[in-house]
Amino acid sequence: MVNYTPNKIGQIEINIFLGEKLLNSNPFKVNIFDINQIYISNLNTGLVNQLVKFNIDTSKAGIGQLDIIVQDGQISCDAISRSSSQFDVIFVPHKCGLYKIDIRYNGLTVPGNSYKTK
């Protein structure tokens, strides 16, 4: 068992040796990311049956897969790419209340936000 704590974002290569013999001729590649470097902006109160739009920036988080789920998948949601790491997220709330927005990056939940409509 080997533990390693990375200190920067990006892809690292790991070579494994047994004594002086390299066990695999190709290094293992590991993607390092930081979920705390994902920024959500312009998430404001909206109106029922009107388009809600907010922004997500993953540019400082490292490479990853972004998933957004609104109301446990009951509300349709789209993420429109402005670049490889910046997205406009849109959905339409159909009733007043607090909306649960689950934002995940590489399968991990980004510390979240709730959204309230009027």
C-alpha atoms as a PDB file:
ATOM      1  CA  MET A   1       0.000   0.000   0.000  1.00  0.00           C
ATOM      2  CA  VAL A   2       1.335   3.396  -1.009  1.00  0.00           C
ATOM      3  CA  ASN A   3      -0.279   6.723  -0.158  1.00  0.00           C
ATOM      4  CA  TYR A   4       0.447   9.944  -1.995  1.00  0.00           C
ATOM      5  CA  THR A   5      -1.005  13.410  -1.479  1.00  0.00           C
ATOM      6  CA  PRO A   6      -0.736  15.476  -4.681  1.00  0.00           C
ATOM      7  CA  ASN A   7       0.004  19.188  -4.383  1.00  0.00           C
ATOM      8  CA  LYS A   8      -1.140  20.364  -7.810  1.00  0.00           C
ATOM      9  CA  ILE A   9      -3.912  19.794 -10.335  1.00  0.00           C
ATOM     10  CA  GLY A  10      -3.313  17.892 -13.547  1.00  0.00           C
ATOM     11  CA  GLN A  11      -2.339  14.489 -14.817  1.00  0.00           C
ATOM     12  CA  ILE A  12       0.457  12.691 -13.032  1.00  0.00           C
ATOM     13  CA  GLU A  13       2.287   9.564 -14.078  1.00  0.00           C
ATOM     14  CA  ILE A  14       3.171   6.816 -11.625  1.00  0.00           C
ATOM     15  CA  ASN A  15       5.907   4.284 -12.233  1.00  0.00           C
ATOM     16  CA  ILE A  16       6.000   1.230  -9.989  1.00  0.00           C
ATOM     17  CA  PHE A  17       9.261  -0.543  -9.283  1.00  0.00           C
ATOM     18  CA  LEU A  18       9.962  -3.797  -7.495  1.00  0.00           C
ATOM     19  CA  GLY A  19      13.525  -3.325  -6.375  1.00  0.00           C
ATOM     20  CA  GLU A  20      15.113  -1.750  -9.443  1.00  0.00           C
ATOM     21  CA  LYS A  21      12.789  -3.454 -11.944  1.00  0.00           C
ATOM     22  CA  LEU A  22       9.999  -1.400 -13.524  1.00  0.00           C
ATOM     23  CA  LEU A  23       6.820  -3.504 -13.232  1.00  0.00           C
ATOM     24  CA  ASN A  24       4.909  -1.972 -16.125  1.00  0.00           C
ATOM     25  CA  SER A  25       6.604  -0.359 -19.104  1.00  0.00           C
ATOM     26  CA  ASN A  26       3.810   2.230 -19.361  1.00  0.00           C
ATOM     27  CA  PRO A  27       3.277   4.579 -16.414  1.00  0.00           C
ATOM     28  CA  PHE A  28      -0.100   4.661 -14.724  1.00  0.00           C
ATOM     29  CA  LYS A  29      -1.805   7.999 -15.435  1.00  0.00           C
ATOM     30  CA  VAL A  30      -3.903   9.608 -12.706  1.00  0.00           C
ATOM     31  CA  ASN A  31      -6.077  12.708 -13.119  1.00  0.00           C
ATOM     32  CA  ILE A  32      -5.792  15.064 -10.122  1.00  0.00           C
ATOM     33  CA  PHE A  33      -8.618  17.569  -9.616  1.00  0.00           C
ATOM     34  CA  ASP A  34      -9.855  19.913  -6.876  1.00  0.00           C
ATOM     35  CA  ILE A  35     -13.623  20.034  -6.380  1.00  0.00           C
ATOM     36  CA  ASN A  36     -13.199  23.155  -4.212  1.00  0.00           C
ATOM     37  CA  GLN A  37     -12.043  25.114  -7.271  1.00  0.00           C
ATOM     38  CA  ILE A  38     -15.462  24.965  -8.965  1.00  0.00           C
ATOM     39  CA  TYR A  39     -17.214  28.317  -8.960  1.00  0.00           C
ATOM     40  CA  ILE A  40     -20.958  28.869  -9.273  1.00  0.00           C
ATOM     41  CA  SER A  41     -22.182  32.370 -10.068  1.00  0.00           C
ATOM     42  CA  ASN A  42     -25.359  34.298 -10.929  1.00  0.00           C
ATOM     43  CA  LEU A  43     -27.593  31.870  -9.040  1.00  0.00           C
ATOM     44  CA  ASN A  44     -30.388  34.248  -8.101  1.00  0.00           C
ATOM     45  CA  THR A  45     -34.073  34.037  -7.217  1.00  0.00           C
ATOM     46  CA  GLY A  46     -36.284  33.486 -10.262  1.00  0.00           C
ATOM     47  CA  LEU A  47     -39.900  33.219 -11.322  1.00  0.00           C
ATOM     48  CA  VAL A  48     -42.133  30.197 -11.861  1.00  0.00           C
ATOM     49  CA  ASN A  49     -42.327  29.044 -15.511  1.00  0.00           C
ATOM     50  CA  GLN A  50     -39.482  31.335 -16.547  1.00  0.00           C
ATOM     51  CA  LEU A  51     -35.999  30.290 -17.578  1.00  0.00           C
ATOM     52  CA  VAL A  52     -33.431  30.244 -14.776  1.00  0.00           C
ATOM     53  CA  LYS A  53     -29.794  30.608 -15.811  1.00  0.00           C
ATOM     54  CA  PHE A  54     -26.585  30.411 -13.768  1.00  0.00           C
ATOM     55  CA  ASN A  55     -22.902  29.841 -14.509  1.00  0.00           C
ATOM     56  CA  ILE A  56     -20.355  27.198 -13.528  1.00  0.00           C
ATOM     57  CA  ASP A  57     -16.603  27.644 -13.971  1.00  0.00           C
ATOM     58  CA  THR A  58     -14.411  24.537 -13.664  1.00  0.00           C
ATOM     59  CA  SER A  59     -11.271  26.084 -15.223  1.00  0.00           C
ATOM     60  CA  LYS A  60      -9.212  25.862 -12.013  1.00  0.00           C
ATOM     61  CA  ALA A  61     -10.535  22.460 -10.922  1.00  0.00           C
ATOM     62  CA  GLY A  62      -8.684  20.217 -13.359  1.00  0.00           C
ATOM     63  CA  ILE A  63     -10.065  17.813 -15.942  1.00  0.00           C
ATOM     64  CA  GLY A  64     -13.420  16.287 -15.123  1.00  0.00           C
ATOM     65  CA  GLN A  65     -16.993  15.370 -15.945  1.00  0.00           C
ATOM     66  CA  LEU A  66     -19.660  17.871 -14.863  1.00  0.00           C
ATOM     67  CA  ASP A  67     -23.180  16.639 -14.038  1.00  0.00           C
ATOM     68  CA  ILE A  68     -26.115  18.812 -12.911  1.00  0.00           C
ATOM     69  CA  ILE A  69     -29.324  17.336 -11.499  1.00  0.00           C
ATOM     70  CA  VAL A  70     -32.290  19.531 -10.484  1.00  0.00           C
ATOM     71  CA  GLN A  71     -34.931  18.220  -8.049  1.00  0.00           C
ATOM     72  CA  ASP A  72     -33.527  14.669  -8.138  1.00  0.00           C
ATOM     73  CA  GLY A  73     -33.926  14.612 -11.934  1.00  0.00           C
ATOM     74  CA  GLN A  74     -37.582  15.715 -11.942  1.00  0.00           C
ATOM     75  CA  ILE A  75     -36.736  19.027 -13.649  1.00  0.00           C
ATOM     76  CA  SER A  76     -35.022  19.071 -17.040  1.00  0.00           C
ATOM     77  CA  CYS A  77     -31.719  20.908 -17.005  1.00  0.00           C
ATOM     78  CA  ASP A  78     -29.192  21.806 -19.715  1.00  0.00           C
ATOM     79  CA  ALA A  79     -25.542  22.844 -19.444  1.00  0.00           C
ATOM     80  CA  ILE A  80     -24.457  24.920 -22.431  1.00  0.00           C
ATOM     81  CA  SER A  81     -20.708  25.003 -22.942  1.00  0.00           C
ATOM     82  CA  ARG A  82     -19.127  28.457 -23.356  1.00  0.00           C
ATOM     83  CA  SER A  83     -15.682  26.857 -23.382  1.00  0.00           C
ATOM     84  CA  SER A  84     -14.203  23.542 -22.298  1.00  0.00           C
ATOM     85  CA  SER A  85     -14.512  24.620 -18.652  1.00  0.00           C
ATOM     86  CA  GLN A  86     -17.264  27.266 -18.459  1.00  0.00           C
ATOM     87  CA  PHE A  87     -20.961  26.503 -18.661  1.00  0.00           C
ATOM     88  CA  ASP A  88     -24.323  28.256 -18.621  1.00  0.00           C
ATOM     89  CA  VAL A  89     -26.884  26.097 -16.843  1.00  0.00           C
ATOM     90  CA  ILE A  90     -30.599  26.549 -17.554  1.00  0.00           C
ATOM     91  CA  PHE A  91     -33.832  25.075 -16.229  1.00  0.00           C
ATOM     92  CA  VAL A  92     -37.467  26.120 -15.790  1.00  0.00           C
ATOM     93  CA  PRO A  93     -39.073  25.815 -12.315  1.00  0.00           C
ATOM     94  CA  HIS A  94     -42.762  24.899 -12.500  1.00  0.00           C
ATOM     95  CA  LYS A  95     -43.841  25.831  -8.965  1.00  0.00           C
ATOM     96  CA  CYS A  96     -42.744  28.007  -6.036  1.00  0.00           C
ATOM     97  CA  GLY A  97     -40.312  26.549  -3.587  1.00  0.00           C
ATOM     98  CA  LEU A  98     -36.759  25.621  -2.827  1.00  0.00           C
ATOM     99  CA  TYR A  99     -35.078  23.699  -5.645  1.00  0.00           C
ATOM    100  CA  LYS A 100     -32.294  21.224  -4.948  1.00  0.00           C
ATOM    101  CA  ILE A 101     -29.482  21.579  -7.475  1.00  0.00           C
ATOM    102  CA  ASP A 102     -26.994  18.708  -7.265  1.00  0.00           C
ATOM    103  CA  ILE A 103     -23.755  19.600  -9.040  1.00  0.00           C
ATOM    104  CA  ARG A 104     -21.249  16.770  -9.390  1.00  0.00           C
ATOM    105  CA  TYR A 105     -17.717  16.714 -10.733  1.00  0.00           C
ATOM    106  CA  ASN A 106     -16.123  13.376 -11.467  1.00  0.00           C
ATOM    107  CA  GLY A 107     -18.917  11.806  -9.435  1.00  0.00           C
ATOM    108  CA  LEU A 108     -18.345  13.923  -6.314  1.00  0.00           C
ATOM    109  CA  THR A 109     -20.944  16.398  -5.111  1.00  0.00           C
ATOM    110  CA  VAL A 110     -19.810  20.019  -5.231  1.00  0.00           C
ATOM    111  CA  PRO A 111     -20.779  21.785  -2.003  1.00  0.00           C
ATOM    112  CA  GLY A 112     -24.215  22.855  -3.148  1.00  0.00           C
ATOM    113  CA  ASN A 113     -26.738  25.511  -3.538  1.00  0.00           C
ATOM    114  CA  SER A 114     -30.484  25.602  -3.191  1.00  0.00           C
ATOM    115  CA  TYR A 115     -32.575  27.744  -5.436  1.00  0.00           C
ATOM    116  CA  LYS A 116     -35.829  29.472  -4.531  1.00  0.00           C
ATOM    117  CA  THR A 117     -38.486  30.627  -6.997  1.00  0.00           C
ATOM    118  CA  LYS A 118     -41.259  33.149  -6.509  1.00  0.00           C
END
